[in-house]
Every structure is written in C-alpha cells, then in structure tokens.
C-alpha cells in the first residue's frame, strides 16, 4: 500500500537570519519533517552546520529533525547530534566501514537510523544495512550544494531500492533528496519514494514557504 508522502524542507536554503521563523512557517504549512544537511568540507566540498544548529532547530519546532551526516567518521559525532535533538540520523555507506555497527549505535541513542549513498555508488551497497534501517535516502544530485538540477538517471536506482526494501519486508521510509520540485516529485513518487527533501522549492518559492509546500503536495 502506498503511504502518504512525507515532505522534509531542507534548511540549507533557508534564510538563517530568520531560521526559527521560517521553520515555524514550514510547520504551520504542513511540513512533516525538517531536514538538516551536515557537511564537513572533506567528504563533500561544502561546510555547513553542526550540533548547535540542530539544537536551535529543536527549540524552534516539535517536528522530527531529519539529519543527514555528509561527514567523515560520523561515529564520532552521533552522540552529539542525538543529544542536540536529532530524530533521524542518516549516514553514508561510503564513510562507514562498519555500517551495521553504526546503524545499531544510532538506534541505541534513541534516533531512527538512516543510510544513504552517493549517485555513483550502486544500490547493492545498501543491502547489508537494510535489516537495520528506518530510512533509506537516495541522492538525486551530487551532495554538497542546494539548487542543483535533478538527475533523472537516478530514477532506476530509486525503483531498485524500493524493490530491495519490499523484498526484505523492510518498512523503512524511502527518501529522495536533490532537485525535488513540483515538476520532479511525481516521477520519483512513481518510482517508489515516500519521503521527499526539498530546499529551493520551499524556501525560494516566489510566493513563499506555504505556497511551496502546497505546490509539492499538489504534485503527488
């Protein structure tokens, strides 16, 4: 059965001078999660926020905080992000030699465990992680910057991950991040995704945050 879709606005495109206010706007407009992109300047080229931003987001909203760790050695910071208020912690297979152990640690900290992979990494790399995940994230851009164009070549990977989850009887969310808009959401949804990260489509919508969220909902 198809689940209701989850919308997770990414604060990477928010106005940080009004971050709390804009998160509140997202919540009022019906966002389901707030997505936080953590980048270390090593695993990905950009450098963004740390646990202190997650803590500020937690004070601004009661929504789940969906934290994507695009960092080397994420195991060193899992506890800090959990204590800051993260609800989900998603790590990359590329940065976790012991992916199963890392996912178990995330769950032991009281967070939902997520796994993701870069566009060039085959979906098969996720297989051993699937029994231990609550969320699988497929990147449809190269991680690092918001505003990149959606990569339609990733649709078969989304469909492949959907089959892998279904065959394993895994109820994890299948989330997609990268170039999600009212125009791209529908084919990604058709491929099997049920959670969507959107940055510019929400925070840079010409008619405001609520209009951006409405446009995404109407695309389902």
N, C-alpha and C. Protein backbone atom coordinates (compact mmCIF):
# COMPACT_ATOMS: atom_id res chain seq x y z
N UNK A 1 0.84 -1.19 0.00
CA UNK A 1 0.00 0.00 0.00
C UNK A 1 0.88 1.25 0.00
N UNK A 2 0.52 2.22 -0.82
CA UNK A 2 1.28 3.45 -0.90
C UNK A 2 1.04 4.30 0.34
N UNK A 3 2.11 4.76 0.97
CA UNK A 3 1.99 5.61 2.15
C UNK A 3 1.77 7.06 1.74
N UNK A 4 1.18 7.83 2.65
CA UNK A 4 1.13 9.28 2.44
C UNK A 4 2.56 9.79 2.33
N UNK A 5 2.76 10.78 1.45
CA UNK A 5 4.12 11.25 1.30
C UNK A 5 4.53 12.16 2.45
N UNK A 6 5.81 12.11 2.75
CA UNK A 6 6.43 12.94 3.77
C UNK A 6 7.20 14.06 3.07
N UNK A 7 6.98 15.29 3.51
CA UNK A 7 7.74 16.43 2.99
C UNK A 7 8.70 16.92 4.08
N UNK A 8 9.98 17.03 3.70
CA UNK A 8 11.02 17.43 4.64
C UNK A 8 11.78 18.63 4.07
N UNK A 9 11.31 19.85 4.33
CA UNK A 9 12.05 21.03 3.85
C UNK A 9 13.47 21.06 4.40
N UNK A 10 14.42 21.33 3.52
CA UNK A 10 15.83 21.39 3.92
C UNK A 10 16.22 22.82 4.24
N UNK A 11 16.69 23.03 5.46
CA UNK A 11 17.05 24.40 5.87
C UNK A 11 18.32 24.88 5.20
N UNK A 12 18.93 24.08 4.35
CA UNK A 12 20.11 24.53 3.61
C UNK A 12 19.79 25.75 2.76
N UNK A 13 18.52 25.88 2.35
CA UNK A 13 18.11 27.02 1.54
C UNK A 13 17.36 28.08 2.34
N UNK A 14 17.29 27.93 3.65
CA UNK A 14 16.57 28.89 4.48
C UNK A 14 17.37 30.18 4.64
N UNK A 15 16.67 31.22 5.06
CA UNK A 15 17.31 32.49 5.44
C UNK A 15 17.72 32.35 6.91
N UNK A 16 19.01 32.21 7.17
CA UNK A 16 19.45 31.93 8.53
C UNK A 16 19.30 33.12 9.47
N UNK A 17 19.02 34.28 8.94
CA UNK A 17 18.69 35.40 9.83
C UNK A 17 17.27 35.28 10.37
N UNK A 18 16.48 34.37 9.77
CA UNK A 18 15.09 34.15 10.17
C UNK A 18 14.81 32.66 10.34
N UNK A 19 15.81 31.90 10.76
CA UNK A 19 15.70 30.45 10.73
C UNK A 19 14.52 29.94 11.56
N UNK A 20 14.41 30.36 12.81
CA UNK A 20 13.32 29.90 13.65
C UNK A 20 11.96 30.25 13.07
N UNK A 21 11.85 31.45 12.56
CA UNK A 21 10.59 31.89 11.96
C UNK A 21 10.24 31.06 10.72
N UNK A 22 11.26 30.77 9.90
CA UNK A 22 10.98 30.01 8.69
C UNK A 22 10.66 28.55 9.00
N UNK A 23 11.29 27.97 10.00
CA UNK A 23 10.93 26.62 10.42
C UNK A 23 9.48 26.60 10.92
N UNK A 24 9.09 27.61 11.68
CA UNK A 24 7.70 27.71 12.15
C UNK A 24 6.73 27.83 10.97
N UNK A 25 7.12 28.56 9.94
CA UNK A 25 6.28 28.66 8.74
C UNK A 25 6.12 27.30 8.08
N UNK A 26 7.20 26.55 8.01
CA UNK A 26 7.12 25.20 7.44
C UNK A 26 6.16 24.33 8.23
N UNK A 27 6.28 24.38 9.55
CA UNK A 27 5.41 23.56 10.40
C UNK A 27 3.95 23.96 10.21
N UNK A 28 3.69 25.26 10.20
CA UNK A 28 2.32 25.74 10.04
C UNK A 28 1.74 25.37 8.68
N UNK A 29 2.60 25.26 7.66
CA UNK A 29 2.16 24.95 6.31
C UNK A 29 1.99 23.46 6.07
N UNK A 30 2.34 22.63 7.06
CA UNK A 30 2.11 21.21 6.94
C UNK A 30 3.32 20.35 6.62
N UNK A 31 4.52 20.89 6.79
CA UNK A 31 5.71 20.07 6.62
C UNK A 31 5.69 18.93 7.64
N UNK A 32 6.28 17.81 7.28
CA UNK A 32 6.28 16.64 8.16
C UNK A 32 7.56 16.53 8.98
N UNK A 33 8.69 16.78 8.34
CA UNK A 33 10.00 16.75 8.99
C UNK A 33 10.74 18.03 8.62
N UNK A 34 11.78 18.35 9.36
CA UNK A 34 12.73 19.39 8.98
C UNK A 34 14.07 18.70 8.70
N UNK A 35 14.61 18.95 7.50
CA UNK A 35 15.83 18.28 7.07
C UNK A 35 17.03 19.19 7.32
N UNK A 36 18.07 18.62 7.91
CA UNK A 36 19.29 19.36 8.24
C UNK A 36 20.47 18.68 7.54
N UNK A 37 21.11 19.40 6.64
CA UNK A 37 22.26 18.87 5.89
C UNK A 37 23.56 19.27 6.59
N UNK A 38 24.27 18.28 7.07
CA UNK A 38 25.52 18.50 7.78
C UNK A 38 26.68 18.11 6.86
N UNK A 39 27.56 19.07 6.55
CA UNK A 39 28.67 18.83 5.63
C UNK A 39 29.97 19.28 6.27
N UNK A 40 31.02 18.50 6.03
CA UNK A 40 32.27 18.75 6.76
C UNK A 40 33.39 19.37 5.93
N UNK A 41 33.14 19.65 4.65
CA UNK A 41 34.19 20.22 3.82
C UNK A 41 35.24 19.22 3.39
N UNK A 42 35.06 17.95 3.74
CA UNK A 42 36.00 16.89 3.36
C UNK A 42 35.30 15.82 2.52
N UNK A 43 34.30 15.17 3.11
CA UNK A 43 33.55 14.17 2.34
C UNK A 43 32.78 14.83 1.21
N UNK A 44 32.27 16.02 1.45
CA UNK A 44 31.65 16.84 0.41
C UNK A 44 32.32 18.21 0.45
N UNK A 45 32.26 18.98 -0.65
CA UNK A 45 33.06 20.22 -0.70
C UNK A 45 32.56 21.34 0.19
N UNK A 46 31.29 21.34 0.53
CA UNK A 46 30.73 22.45 1.30
C UNK A 46 30.94 22.22 2.80
N UNK A 47 30.83 23.29 3.56
CA UNK A 47 30.93 23.25 5.02
C UNK A 47 29.69 23.91 5.59
N UNK A 48 28.92 23.16 6.39
CA UNK A 48 27.66 23.73 6.89
C UNK A 48 27.58 23.60 8.40
N UNK A 49 26.46 23.08 8.89
CA UNK A 49 26.11 23.23 10.29
C UNK A 49 26.45 22.02 11.15
N UNK A 50 26.52 22.28 12.44
CA UNK A 50 26.84 21.23 13.40
C UNK A 50 25.73 21.03 14.40
N UNK A 51 26.03 20.34 15.51
CA UNK A 51 25.00 20.06 16.51
C UNK A 51 24.31 21.31 17.06
N UNK A 52 25.02 22.44 17.13
CA UNK A 52 24.39 23.64 17.69
C UNK A 52 23.22 24.10 16.84
N UNK A 53 23.29 23.90 15.52
CA UNK A 53 22.16 24.28 14.65
C UNK A 53 21.00 23.31 14.87
N UNK A 54 21.30 22.04 15.03
CA UNK A 54 20.24 21.07 15.33
C UNK A 54 19.56 21.43 16.63
N UNK A 55 20.34 21.82 17.62
CA UNK A 55 19.75 22.22 18.91
C UNK A 55 18.85 23.44 18.75
N UNK A 56 19.25 24.39 17.91
CA UNK A 56 18.42 25.58 17.66
C UNK A 56 17.13 25.18 16.94
N UNK A 57 17.24 24.27 15.99
CA UNK A 57 16.05 23.79 15.29
C UNK A 57 15.10 23.08 16.25
N UNK A 58 15.67 22.30 17.17
CA UNK A 58 14.83 21.59 18.13
C UNK A 58 14.04 22.56 19.00
N UNK A 59 14.65 23.69 19.35
CA UNK A 59 13.92 24.69 20.13
C UNK A 59 12.85 25.38 19.30
N UNK A 60 12.99 25.36 17.98
CA UNK A 60 12.07 26.08 17.10
C UNK A 60 10.87 25.25 16.67
N UNK A 61 10.93 23.93 16.84
CA UNK A 61 9.85 23.08 16.31
C UNK A 61 9.75 21.78 17.08
N UNK A 62 8.56 21.20 17.02
CA UNK A 62 8.36 19.86 17.56
C UNK A 62 8.40 18.80 16.47
N UNK A 63 8.58 19.21 15.21
CA UNK A 63 8.65 18.26 14.11
C UNK A 63 9.91 17.39 14.23
N UNK A 64 9.88 16.18 13.67
CA UNK A 64 11.10 15.38 13.62
C UNK A 64 12.20 16.11 12.87
N UNK A 65 13.42 16.02 13.38
CA UNK A 65 14.58 16.61 12.72
C UNK A 65 15.34 15.49 12.02
N UNK A 66 15.37 15.60 10.70
CA UNK A 66 15.91 14.59 9.79
C UNK A 66 17.33 15.03 9.42
N UNK A 67 18.33 14.47 10.09
CA UNK A 67 19.70 14.98 9.99
C UNK A 67 20.53 14.06 9.10
N UNK A 68 21.06 14.64 8.03
CA UNK A 68 21.86 13.91 7.03
C UNK A 68 23.33 14.26 7.24
N UNK A 69 24.11 13.27 7.66
CA UNK A 69 25.51 13.48 8.01
C UNK A 69 26.41 13.18 6.81
N UNK A 70 26.75 14.21 6.06
CA UNK A 70 27.68 14.08 4.93
C UNK A 70 29.08 14.40 5.45
N UNK A 71 29.57 13.52 6.32
CA UNK A 71 30.82 13.79 7.02
C UNK A 71 31.65 12.51 7.13
N UNK A 72 32.95 12.69 7.22
CA UNK A 72 33.84 11.58 7.50
C UNK A 72 33.76 11.22 8.99
N UNK A 73 33.93 9.95 9.30
CA UNK A 73 33.91 9.44 10.67
C UNK A 73 32.67 9.93 11.45
N UNK A 74 31.49 9.71 10.92
CA UNK A 74 30.28 10.19 11.61
C UNK A 74 30.11 9.60 12.99
N UNK A 75 30.69 8.42 13.22
CA UNK A 75 30.54 7.78 14.53
C UNK A 75 31.05 8.67 15.67
N UNK A 76 31.95 9.59 15.37
CA UNK A 76 32.49 10.47 16.40
C UNK A 76 31.50 11.54 16.86
N UNK A 77 30.46 11.77 16.08
CA UNK A 77 29.53 12.86 16.37
C UNK A 77 28.09 12.40 16.57
N UNK A 78 27.85 11.11 16.49
CA UNK A 78 26.47 10.62 16.63
C UNK A 78 25.84 11.04 17.95
N UNK A 79 26.57 10.87 19.03
CA UNK A 79 26.01 11.20 20.34
C UNK A 79 25.71 12.69 20.46
N UNK A 80 26.60 13.53 19.93
CA UNK A 80 26.39 14.98 19.99
C UNK A 80 25.13 15.38 19.24
N UNK A 81 24.91 14.80 18.07
CA UNK A 81 23.71 15.15 17.30
C UNK A 81 22.45 14.59 17.97
N UNK A 82 22.55 13.42 18.53
CA UNK A 82 21.40 12.86 19.24
C UNK A 82 21.04 13.72 20.44
N UNK A 83 22.03 14.14 21.20
CA UNK A 83 21.77 14.98 22.36
C UNK A 83 21.23 16.35 21.96
N UNK A 84 21.60 16.82 20.76
CA UNK A 84 21.11 18.11 20.28
C UNK A 84 19.65 18.07 19.88
N UNK A 85 19.10 16.87 19.68
CA UNK A 85 17.69 16.76 19.37
C UNK A 85 17.34 16.12 18.04
N UNK A 86 18.33 15.53 17.36
CA UNK A 86 18.04 14.85 16.09
C UNK A 86 17.05 13.71 16.32
N UNK A 87 16.12 13.57 15.39
CA UNK A 87 15.18 12.44 15.42
C UNK A 87 15.67 11.29 14.57
N UNK A 88 16.20 11.64 13.39
CA UNK A 88 16.78 10.65 12.47
C UNK A 88 18.23 11.05 12.23
N UNK A 89 19.11 10.08 12.16
CA UNK A 89 20.50 10.31 11.78
C UNK A 89 20.81 9.40 10.61
N UNK A 90 21.14 10.02 9.48
CA UNK A 90 21.42 9.28 8.25
C UNK A 90 22.89 9.40 7.92
N UNK A 91 23.55 8.25 7.71
CA UNK A 91 24.97 8.20 7.41
C UNK A 91 25.20 7.58 6.04
N UNK A 92 26.36 7.84 5.46
CA UNK A 92 26.71 7.32 4.14
C UNK A 92 27.42 5.98 4.24
N UNK A 93 27.08 5.08 3.34
CA UNK A 93 27.81 3.80 3.29
C UNK A 93 29.29 4.05 2.97
N UNK A 94 29.57 5.11 2.23
CA UNK A 94 30.95 5.39 1.83
C UNK A 94 31.84 5.79 3.01
N UNK A 95 31.26 6.28 4.09
CA UNK A 95 32.05 6.77 5.22
C UNK A 95 32.00 5.84 6.43
N UNK A 96 31.30 4.71 6.30
CA UNK A 96 31.11 3.83 7.45
C UNK A 96 31.56 2.41 7.11
N UNK A 97 32.81 2.08 7.41
CA UNK A 97 33.29 0.71 7.15
C UNK A 97 32.45 -0.35 7.85
N UNK A 98 31.96 0.00 9.05
CA UNK A 98 31.08 -0.91 9.80
C UNK A 98 29.69 -0.29 9.81
N UNK A 99 29.02 -0.34 8.65
CA UNK A 99 27.73 0.35 8.53
C UNK A 99 26.70 -0.23 9.48
N UNK A 100 26.69 -1.54 9.66
CA UNK A 100 25.71 -2.15 10.56
C UNK A 100 25.95 -1.69 12.00
N UNK A 101 27.21 -1.67 12.43
CA UNK A 101 27.51 -1.21 13.78
C UNK A 101 27.13 0.24 13.99
N UNK A 102 27.35 1.07 12.98
CA UNK A 102 26.99 2.48 13.09
C UNK A 102 25.48 2.65 13.21
N UNK A 103 24.73 1.91 12.40
CA UNK A 103 23.27 2.00 12.47
C UNK A 103 22.75 1.52 13.82
N UNK A 104 23.35 0.48 14.35
CA UNK A 104 22.94 0.00 15.68
C UNK A 104 23.23 1.05 16.75
N UNK A 105 24.35 1.74 16.61
CA UNK A 105 24.67 2.81 17.57
C UNK A 105 23.64 3.92 17.50
N UNK A 106 23.25 4.30 16.29
CA UNK A 106 22.24 5.35 16.14
C UNK A 106 20.95 4.96 16.86
N UNK A 107 20.52 3.74 16.65
CA UNK A 107 19.29 3.30 17.32
C UNK A 107 19.46 3.28 18.83
N UNK A 108 20.65 2.90 19.29
CA UNK A 108 20.88 2.85 20.74
C UNK A 108 20.82 4.22 21.37
N UNK A 109 21.03 5.27 20.56
CA UNK A 109 20.97 6.65 21.05
C UNK A 109 19.55 7.20 21.02
N UNK A 110 18.59 6.39 20.60
CA UNK A 110 17.20 6.80 20.59
C UNK A 110 16.76 7.49 19.32
N UNK A 111 17.57 7.42 18.28
CA UNK A 111 17.23 8.04 17.00
C UNK A 111 16.86 6.95 15.99
N UNK A 112 16.11 7.35 14.97
CA UNK A 112 15.88 6.46 13.85
C UNK A 112 17.14 6.45 12.99
N UNK A 113 17.46 5.28 12.46
CA UNK A 113 18.71 5.10 11.73
C UNK A 113 18.47 5.15 10.23
N UNK A 114 19.24 6.00 9.56
CA UNK A 114 19.13 6.12 8.12
C UNK A 114 20.45 5.82 7.44
N UNK A 115 20.36 5.36 6.19
CA UNK A 115 21.55 5.10 5.39
C UNK A 115 21.35 5.73 4.02
N UNK A 116 22.44 6.22 3.43
CA UNK A 116 22.38 6.84 2.12
C UNK A 116 23.65 6.53 1.36
N UNK A 117 23.65 6.96 0.08
CA UNK A 117 24.78 6.69 -0.79
C UNK A 117 24.83 7.74 -1.89
N UNK A 118 26.02 8.00 -2.38
CA UNK A 118 26.20 8.98 -3.44
C UNK A 118 25.66 8.45 -4.77
N UNK A 119 25.39 9.33 -5.73
CA UNK A 119 24.85 8.87 -7.01
C UNK A 119 25.68 7.81 -7.71
N UNK A 120 27.00 7.87 -7.58
CA UNK A 120 27.85 6.92 -8.28
C UNK A 120 27.95 5.57 -7.58
N UNK A 121 27.47 5.48 -6.34
CA UNK A 121 27.55 4.23 -5.58
C UNK A 121 26.35 3.35 -5.91
N UNK A 122 26.57 2.09 -6.27
CA UNK A 122 25.44 1.23 -6.64
C UNK A 122 24.52 0.92 -5.47
N UNK A 123 23.27 0.72 -5.78
CA UNK A 123 22.27 0.44 -4.75
C UNK A 123 22.63 -0.82 -3.96
N UNK A 124 23.31 -1.74 -4.59
CA UNK A 124 23.66 -3.01 -3.93
C UNK A 124 24.49 -2.77 -2.67
N UNK A 125 25.18 -1.62 -2.59
CA UNK A 125 25.99 -1.31 -1.41
C UNK A 125 25.14 -1.17 -0.15
N UNK A 126 23.84 -1.01 -0.32
CA UNK A 126 22.94 -0.85 0.83
C UNK A 126 22.48 -2.17 1.43
N UNK A 127 22.69 -3.26 0.72
CA UNK A 127 21.97 -4.49 1.06
C UNK A 127 22.17 -4.93 2.51
N UNK A 128 23.39 -4.95 2.99
CA UNK A 128 23.61 -5.46 4.35
C UNK A 128 23.02 -4.54 5.41
N UNK A 129 22.79 -3.28 5.05
CA UNK A 129 22.25 -2.32 6.01
C UNK A 129 20.74 -2.41 6.18
N UNK A 130 20.06 -2.95 5.18
CA UNK A 130 18.59 -2.86 5.15
C UNK A 130 17.91 -3.41 6.40
N UNK A 131 18.35 -4.53 6.98
CA UNK A 131 17.66 -5.01 8.19
C UNK A 131 17.78 -4.09 9.40
N UNK A 132 18.62 -3.07 9.32
CA UNK A 132 18.92 -2.24 10.49
C UNK A 132 18.52 -0.77 10.29
N UNK A 133 17.73 -0.49 9.25
CA UNK A 133 17.41 0.91 8.94
C UNK A 133 15.94 1.22 9.13
N UNK A 134 15.71 2.50 9.43
CA UNK A 134 14.36 3.06 9.48
C UNK A 134 14.11 3.98 8.29
N UNK A 135 15.18 4.31 7.57
CA UNK A 135 15.10 5.25 6.46
C UNK A 135 16.25 4.97 5.50
N UNK A 136 15.94 4.97 4.20
CA UNK A 136 16.97 4.90 3.17
C UNK A 136 16.83 6.14 2.30
N UNK A 137 17.94 6.85 2.12
CA UNK A 137 17.95 8.10 1.35
C UNK A 137 18.71 7.88 0.05
N UNK A 138 18.06 8.19 -1.06
CA UNK A 138 18.71 8.14 -2.37
C UNK A 138 18.97 9.57 -2.83
N UNK A 139 20.22 9.87 -3.11
CA UNK A 139 20.60 11.20 -3.58
C UNK A 139 20.37 11.30 -5.09
N UNK A 140 19.65 12.33 -5.51
CA UNK A 140 19.41 12.55 -6.93
C UNK A 140 20.14 13.80 -7.43
N UNK A 141 21.13 14.23 -6.65
CA UNK A 141 22.17 15.18 -7.07
C UNK A 141 23.45 14.74 -6.36
N UNK A 142 24.57 15.30 -6.78
CA UNK A 142 25.81 15.07 -6.04
C UNK A 142 25.76 15.89 -4.76
N UNK A 143 25.94 15.29 -3.60
CA UNK A 143 25.78 16.02 -2.35
C UNK A 143 26.80 17.14 -2.20
N UNK A 144 26.34 18.24 -1.59
CA UNK A 144 27.25 19.34 -1.32
C UNK A 144 26.61 20.71 -1.39
N UNK A 145 25.71 20.91 -2.35
CA UNK A 145 25.12 22.25 -2.53
C UNK A 145 23.64 22.12 -2.89
N UNK A 146 22.83 23.06 -2.42
CA UNK A 146 21.43 23.10 -2.82
C UNK A 146 21.31 23.78 -4.18
N UNK A 147 20.17 23.59 -4.82
CA UNK A 147 19.91 24.26 -6.09
C UNK A 147 20.39 23.50 -7.31
N UNK A 148 20.93 22.28 -7.14
CA UNK A 148 21.38 21.51 -8.29
C UNK A 148 20.18 20.90 -9.02
N UNK A 149 20.39 20.61 -10.31
CA UNK A 149 19.33 20.02 -11.12
C UNK A 149 19.16 18.53 -10.79
N UNK A 150 17.92 18.11 -10.74
CA UNK A 150 17.56 16.71 -10.54
C UNK A 150 18.19 15.84 -11.62
N UNK A 151 18.71 14.69 -11.20
CA UNK A 151 19.34 13.74 -12.12
C UNK A 151 18.35 12.62 -12.44
N UNK A 152 17.67 12.69 -13.60
CA UNK A 152 16.67 11.66 -13.91
C UNK A 152 17.25 10.26 -14.01
N UNK A 153 18.56 10.15 -14.26
CA UNK A 153 19.19 8.85 -14.32
C UNK A 153 19.17 8.10 -12.99
N UNK A 154 18.79 8.79 -11.90
CA UNK A 154 18.71 8.14 -10.60
C UNK A 154 17.37 7.45 -10.37
N UNK A 155 16.39 7.68 -11.25
CA UNK A 155 15.08 7.06 -11.05
C UNK A 155 15.16 5.52 -11.02
N UNK A 156 15.93 4.89 -11.90
CA UNK A 156 16.04 3.42 -11.78
C UNK A 156 16.63 2.98 -10.44
N UNK A 157 17.54 3.78 -9.88
CA UNK A 157 18.09 3.42 -8.57
C UNK A 157 17.02 3.51 -7.49
N UNK A 158 16.18 4.55 -7.55
CA UNK A 158 15.07 4.66 -6.58
C UNK A 158 14.18 3.42 -6.67
N UNK A 159 13.85 3.02 -7.90
CA UNK A 159 13.00 1.84 -8.09
C UNK A 159 13.69 0.58 -7.59
N UNK A 160 15.00 0.48 -7.81
CA UNK A 160 15.74 -0.69 -7.34
C UNK A 160 15.75 -0.77 -5.82
N UNK A 161 15.96 0.37 -5.17
CA UNK A 161 15.94 0.39 -3.70
C UNK A 161 14.55 0.05 -3.18
N UNK A 162 13.52 0.54 -3.87
CA UNK A 162 12.15 0.19 -3.47
C UNK A 162 11.96 -1.33 -3.50
N UNK A 163 12.45 -1.98 -4.56
CA UNK A 163 12.32 -3.44 -4.66
C UNK A 163 13.11 -4.12 -3.55
N UNK A 164 14.31 -3.62 -3.27
CA UNK A 164 15.13 -4.21 -2.21
C UNK A 164 14.42 -4.15 -0.86
N UNK A 165 13.83 -3.01 -0.57
CA UNK A 165 13.11 -2.86 0.70
C UNK A 165 11.90 -3.79 0.76
N UNK A 166 11.14 -3.83 -0.33
CA UNK A 166 9.94 -4.67 -0.35
C UNK A 166 10.30 -6.15 -0.23
N UNK A 167 11.34 -6.57 -0.95
CA UNK A 167 11.73 -7.98 -0.89
C UNK A 167 12.22 -8.38 0.49
N UNK A 168 12.81 -7.42 1.21
CA UNK A 168 13.30 -7.70 2.57
C UNK A 168 12.21 -7.55 3.63
N UNK A 169 11.02 -7.11 3.21
CA UNK A 169 9.95 -6.86 4.17
C UNK A 169 10.29 -5.71 5.10
N UNK A 170 11.06 -4.74 4.60
CA UNK A 170 11.52 -3.62 5.42
C UNK A 170 10.57 -2.44 5.26
N UNK A 171 10.11 -1.91 6.38
CA UNK A 171 9.14 -0.80 6.36
C UNK A 171 9.81 0.57 6.40
N UNK A 172 11.11 0.63 6.15
CA UNK A 172 11.82 1.92 6.19
C UNK A 172 11.24 2.89 5.17
N UNK A 173 11.32 4.17 5.52
CA UNK A 173 10.98 5.21 4.57
C UNK A 173 12.01 5.21 3.45
N UNK A 174 11.56 5.44 2.22
CA UNK A 174 12.46 5.64 1.08
C UNK A 174 12.41 7.12 0.73
N UNK A 175 13.48 7.80 1.08
CA UNK A 175 13.56 9.25 0.95
C UNK A 175 14.44 9.61 -0.25
N UNK A 176 14.11 10.72 -0.90
CA UNK A 176 14.90 11.20 -2.04
C UNK A 176 15.26 12.65 -1.79
N UNK A 177 16.49 13.01 -2.13
CA UNK A 177 16.99 14.38 -1.91
C UNK A 177 17.78 14.81 -3.14
N UNK A 178 17.38 15.95 -3.71
CA UNK A 178 18.14 16.52 -4.80
C UNK A 178 17.27 16.97 -5.95
N UNK A 179 17.09 18.27 -6.10
CA UNK A 179 16.31 18.80 -7.20
C UNK A 179 14.83 18.48 -7.14
N UNK A 180 14.32 18.20 -5.94
CA UNK A 180 12.90 17.89 -5.82
C UNK A 180 12.08 19.17 -5.93
N UNK A 181 11.09 19.13 -6.83
CA UNK A 181 10.21 20.26 -7.09
C UNK A 181 8.84 19.71 -7.46
N UNK A 182 7.90 20.62 -7.72
CA UNK A 182 6.58 20.16 -8.16
C UNK A 182 6.68 19.40 -9.47
N UNK A 183 7.69 19.70 -10.29
CA UNK A 183 7.85 19.02 -11.58
C UNK A 183 8.50 17.65 -11.45
N UNK A 184 9.37 17.47 -10.46
CA UNK A 184 10.12 16.20 -10.36
C UNK A 184 9.55 15.24 -9.33
N UNK A 185 8.72 15.73 -8.43
CA UNK A 185 8.23 14.86 -7.36
C UNK A 185 7.43 13.67 -7.90
N UNK A 186 6.58 13.90 -8.88
CA UNK A 186 5.69 12.84 -9.35
C UNK A 186 6.43 11.62 -9.89
N UNK A 187 7.43 11.77 -10.78
CA UNK A 187 8.13 10.57 -11.25
C UNK A 187 8.91 9.86 -10.14
N UNK A 188 9.42 10.62 -9.18
CA UNK A 188 10.14 9.99 -8.07
C UNK A 188 9.16 9.21 -7.19
N UNK A 189 8.01 9.78 -6.97
CA UNK A 189 6.95 9.09 -6.23
C UNK A 189 6.55 7.80 -6.94
N UNK A 190 6.42 7.87 -8.28
CA UNK A 190 6.04 6.70 -9.06
C UNK A 190 7.10 5.61 -8.99
N UNK A 191 8.36 6.01 -8.81
CA UNK A 191 9.45 5.04 -8.70
C UNK A 191 9.48 4.35 -7.34
N UNK A 192 8.72 4.88 -6.37
CA UNK A 192 8.61 4.19 -5.09
C UNK A 192 9.00 4.97 -3.86
N UNK A 193 9.40 6.22 -4.03
CA UNK A 193 9.78 7.02 -2.86
C UNK A 193 8.55 7.48 -2.09
N UNK A 194 8.70 7.66 -0.79
CA UNK A 194 7.59 8.17 0.01
C UNK A 194 7.98 9.31 0.94
N UNK A 195 9.23 9.75 0.88
CA UNK A 195 9.67 10.93 1.65
C UNK A 195 10.55 11.77 0.74
N UNK A 196 10.36 13.10 0.82
CA UNK A 196 10.99 14.00 -0.14
C UNK A 196 11.61 15.19 0.56
N UNK A 197 12.90 15.40 0.29
CA UNK A 197 13.60 16.57 0.79
C UNK A 197 13.52 17.65 -0.29
N UNK A 198 13.13 18.84 0.10
CA UNK A 198 13.04 19.95 -0.85
C UNK A 198 13.62 21.19 -0.20
N UNK A 199 14.50 21.85 -0.91
CA UNK A 199 15.17 23.05 -0.39
C UNK A 199 14.65 24.30 -1.09
N UNK A 200 15.16 24.57 -2.29
CA UNK A 200 14.73 25.76 -3.01
C UNK A 200 13.24 25.76 -3.32
N UNK A 201 12.67 24.58 -3.57
CA UNK A 201 11.25 24.50 -3.91
C UNK A 201 10.36 25.00 -2.78
N UNK A 202 10.90 25.00 -1.57
CA UNK A 202 10.15 25.52 -0.41
C UNK A 202 10.63 26.92 -0.05
N UNK A 203 11.90 27.03 0.28
CA UNK A 203 12.40 28.28 0.84
C UNK A 203 12.61 29.39 -0.19
N UNK A 204 12.73 29.01 -1.47
CA UNK A 204 12.92 30.02 -2.51
C UNK A 204 11.68 30.15 -3.41
N UNK A 205 10.57 29.58 -3.01
CA UNK A 205 9.36 29.69 -3.83
C UNK A 205 8.95 31.15 -3.93
N UNK A 206 8.64 31.64 -5.12
CA UNK A 206 8.33 33.07 -5.28
C UNK A 206 7.15 33.56 -4.46
N UNK A 207 6.25 32.64 -4.10
CA UNK A 207 5.08 33.04 -3.33
C UNK A 207 5.18 32.64 -1.86
N UNK A 208 6.36 32.21 -1.43
CA UNK A 208 6.57 31.93 -0.03
C UNK A 208 6.57 30.44 0.31
N UNK A 209 6.93 30.16 1.55
CA UNK A 209 7.10 28.79 2.03
C UNK A 209 5.82 27.99 1.94
N UNK A 210 4.71 28.54 2.40
CA UNK A 210 3.45 27.79 2.38
C UNK A 210 3.06 27.43 0.96
N UNK A 211 3.25 28.36 0.02
CA UNK A 211 2.93 28.08 -1.38
C UNK A 211 3.82 26.98 -1.94
N UNK A 212 5.10 26.98 -1.55
CA UNK A 212 6.00 25.94 -2.00
C UNK A 212 5.57 24.57 -1.52
N UNK A 213 5.16 24.48 -0.26
CA UNK A 213 4.70 23.21 0.28
C UNK A 213 3.40 22.77 -0.39
N UNK A 214 2.50 23.71 -0.62
CA UNK A 214 1.25 23.37 -1.31
C UNK A 214 1.53 22.83 -2.72
N UNK A 215 2.46 23.45 -3.42
CA UNK A 215 2.79 23.02 -4.78
C UNK A 215 3.32 21.60 -4.78
N UNK A 216 4.15 21.25 -3.79
CA UNK A 216 4.67 19.90 -3.70
C UNK A 216 3.57 18.90 -3.37
N UNK A 217 2.69 19.26 -2.45
CA UNK A 217 1.58 18.37 -2.11
C UNK A 217 0.70 18.13 -3.33
N UNK A 218 0.45 19.16 -4.11
CA UNK A 218 -0.44 19.03 -5.26
C UNK A 218 0.16 18.18 -6.37
N UNK A 219 1.48 17.99 -6.33
CA UNK A 219 2.16 17.20 -7.35
C UNK A 219 2.04 15.71 -7.09
N UNK A 220 1.60 15.32 -5.89
CA UNK A 220 1.53 13.90 -5.53
C UNK A 220 0.41 13.22 -6.32
